Structures are given as structure tokens and as C-alpha cells.
Amino acid sequence: MPKRNDETLYSLPETSAASKGARHKIDALLREAHSLRHVEKRLKEVKSELIELLQAQELVTEDGKLGVRHGELCCMARFQGGRRSLDREMLIENGVTPAQIEGSMKQGPDYWVLELAAIGESEG
């Protein structure tokens, strides 16, 4: 994806170019999406901090499950193994040719990606 800058963002059409009904919906969704972007980042930080505290305080159930409860609010943590993936370099090291690898590739369906950006938030 090309590097984003304020000039690129200023070149985007204003929502006023959309019909009145669509404009109001787009404006509302943009505001909500941007507010959720910061909430999602904070949620990741809070979850990470909770796990650190649960571990440090050794808050575990009798059967060894990590977690805590405050009234009806609860959280439980579990350790998850990393995802397994196929490594092209290891395949070649194990005798699979690059042509065989390319011939075995499968592409998923195309999809849209929405980037949330704000003027004044430079990337980089």
C-alpha cells in the first residue's frame, strides 16, 4: 500500500458529494469507526495488562485456570500455541522446487480493505 500522507487524504472527496441520506449515514459511520479504532487498541492493551496481573498475582482456580471475577464481571486467560504455517524456504530446503510450490498455490477471493486515517496523523 502506498505511503499515506495528508495531501493524499485531502484529495479524497468530501461526504457532501454523496446524496443527503447517504451523506448522513457515511458521516455517522465514519465517526463511529474512528472512535472504535481507538477503543480496539485500548482493549488489546487492557487485556494484555490483565494477563500480566493475573500471572503476577497467581489468580488461578483450584484446577489451575487463570482468571478473576469482580461481581458478575469475569475474565479467564489461557495460553494458546502459535499458528502453524507453511514456510516456502523450509520446503525448498526439504527438496520441493520453487516451481512445485508455485504450482500448488491457491488464491483466496478478493476482498475490500478499509483503512481508517485522519488528517494530521502521519503514517511512518
Protein backbone atom coordinates (compact mmCIF):
# COMPACT_ATOMS: atom_id res chain seq x y z
CA MET A 1 0.00 0.00 0.00
CA PRO A 2 1.46 3.40 -0.91
CA LYS A 3 2.52 5.63 1.95
CA ARG A 4 -0.36 7.78 3.13
CA ASN A 5 0.08 11.48 3.79
CA ASP A 6 -2.17 14.45 4.47
CA GLU A 7 -2.07 15.52 0.82
CA THR A 8 -3.50 12.16 -0.21
CA LEU A 9 -6.19 12.43 2.45
CA TYR A 10 -7.14 15.98 1.40
CA SER A 11 -7.61 14.69 -2.17
CA LEU A 12 -10.44 12.38 -1.04
CA PRO A 13 -13.94 13.56 -1.98
CA GLU A 14 -15.93 15.19 0.82
CA THR A 15 -19.03 13.36 2.02
CA SER A 16 -21.04 16.28 0.63
CA ALA A 17 -20.54 14.65 -2.80
CA ALA A 18 -22.89 11.83 -1.69
CA SER A 19 -26.66 12.08 -1.60
CA LYS A 20 -28.13 13.68 1.54
CA GLY A 21 -29.33 10.38 3.03
CA ALA A 22 -26.08 8.57 2.28
CA ARG A 23 -24.00 11.54 3.49
CA HIS A 24 -25.57 11.47 6.96
CA LYS A 25 -25.09 7.70 7.20
CA ILE A 26 -21.46 7.92 5.97
CA ASP A 27 -20.70 10.76 8.41
CA ALA A 28 -22.13 8.78 11.34
CA LEU A 29 -20.33 5.58 10.37
CA LEU A 30 -17.02 7.41 9.93
CA ARG A 31 -17.29 8.95 13.40
CA GLU A 32 -18.20 5.59 14.92
CA ALA A 33 -15.42 3.72 13.07
CA HIS A 34 -12.80 6.21 14.22
CA SER A 35 -13.98 6.05 17.83
CA LEU A 36 -13.92 2.24 17.74
CA ARG A 37 -10.42 2.22 16.26
CA HIS A 38 -9.09 3.74 19.47
CA VAL A 39 -11.30 1.51 21.63
CA GLU A 40 -9.98 -1.62 19.90
CA LYS A 41 -6.37 -0.56 20.52
CA ARG A 42 -7.12 0.16 24.17
CA LEU A 43 -8.94 -3.17 24.60
CA LYS A 44 -5.80 -5.01 23.43
CA GLU A 45 -3.71 -3.04 25.94
CA VAL A 46 -6.16 -3.74 28.79
CA LYS A 47 -6.29 -7.47 28.00
CA SER A 48 -2.50 -7.67 27.98
CA GLU A 49 -2.26 -5.83 31.29
CA LEU A 50 -4.92 -8.08 32.85
CA ILE A 51 -2.99 -11.20 31.82
CA GLU A 52 0.21 -9.79 33.34
CA LEU A 53 -1.60 -9.03 36.61
CA LEU A 54 -3.34 -12.42 36.74
CA GLN A 55 0.01 -14.14 36.29
CA ALA A 56 1.86 -11.91 38.77
CA GLN A 57 -0.85 -12.36 41.41
CA GLU A 58 -1.23 -16.08 40.63
CA LEU A 59 -5.02 -15.79 40.40
CA VAL A 60 -5.97 -19.32 39.43
CA THR A 61 -8.85 -21.68 40.09
CA GLU A 62 -8.42 -24.93 42.01
CA ASP A 63 -7.93 -26.75 38.70
CA GLY A 64 -5.26 -24.28 37.55
CA LYS A 65 -7.25 -21.99 35.25
CA LEU A 66 -6.03 -18.40 35.20
CA GLY A 67 -8.82 -15.89 35.80
CA VAL A 68 -10.56 -13.48 38.10
CA ARG A 69 -14.05 -12.24 38.94
CA HIS A 70 -15.39 -8.91 40.22
CA GLY A 71 -19.08 -9.47 40.97
CA GLU A 72 -20.53 -10.61 37.66
CA LEU A 73 -17.60 -9.33 35.59
CA CYS A 74 -15.15 -12.12 34.81
CA CYS A 75 -12.13 -12.86 32.68
CA MET A 76 -10.23 -16.07 32.04
CA ALA A 77 -6.88 -16.38 30.30
CA ARG A 78 -5.45 -19.38 28.51
CA PHE A 79 -2.17 -19.96 26.74
CA GLN A 80 -2.61 -20.64 23.05
CA GLY A 81 0.03 -22.22 20.86
CA GLY A 82 1.14 -20.26 17.81
CA ARG A 83 -0.47 -20.83 14.43
CA ARG A 84 1.22 -23.33 12.18
CA SER A 85 2.13 -22.16 8.72
CA LEU A 86 3.90 -23.48 5.68
CA ASP A 87 7.36 -22.00 5.13
CA ARG A 88 8.50 -21.79 1.50
CA GLU A 89 12.17 -21.66 2.44
CA MET A 90 11.85 -24.81 4.51
CA LEU A 91 10.06 -26.53 1.63
CA ILE A 92 12.96 -25.73 -0.69
CA GLU A 93 15.45 -26.91 1.95
CA ASN A 94 13.48 -30.18 2.08
CA GLY A 95 13.69 -30.69 -1.70
CA VAL A 96 10.49 -29.11 -3.01
CA THR A 97 11.22 -26.97 -6.08
CA PRO A 98 10.04 -23.36 -6.40
CA ALA A 99 8.02 -24.44 -9.47
CA GLN A 100 6.23 -27.11 -7.40
CA ILE A 101 5.50 -24.55 -4.71
CA GLU A 102 4.11 -22.05 -7.25
CA GLY A 103 2.07 -24.80 -8.92
CA SER A 104 0.49 -25.62 -5.57
CA MET A 105 -0.54 -22.06 -4.70
CA LYS A 106 -4.22 -21.25 -4.30
CA GLN A 107 -5.54 -17.72 -4.11
CA GLY A 108 -8.49 -16.80 -1.94
CA PRO A 109 -11.26 -14.49 -3.08
CA ASP A 110 -10.52 -10.79 -3.48
CA TYR A 111 -11.90 -8.52 -0.79
CA TRP A 112 -12.07 -4.86 0.17
CA VAL A 113 -9.93 -3.39 2.96
CA LEU A 114 -10.99 -0.16 4.65
CA GLU A 115 -8.21 1.96 6.12
CA LEU A 116 -9.16 4.47 8.79
CA ALA A 117 -6.96 7.55 8.56
CA ALA A 118 -7.19 11.10 9.84
CA ILE A 119 -5.55 14.24 8.51
CA GLY A 120 -2.70 15.18 10.83
CA GLU A 121 -1.94 11.56 11.76
CA SER A 122 1.08 10.92 9.61
CA GLU A 123 1.98 7.32 8.91
CA GLY A 124 5.51 6.14 9.39
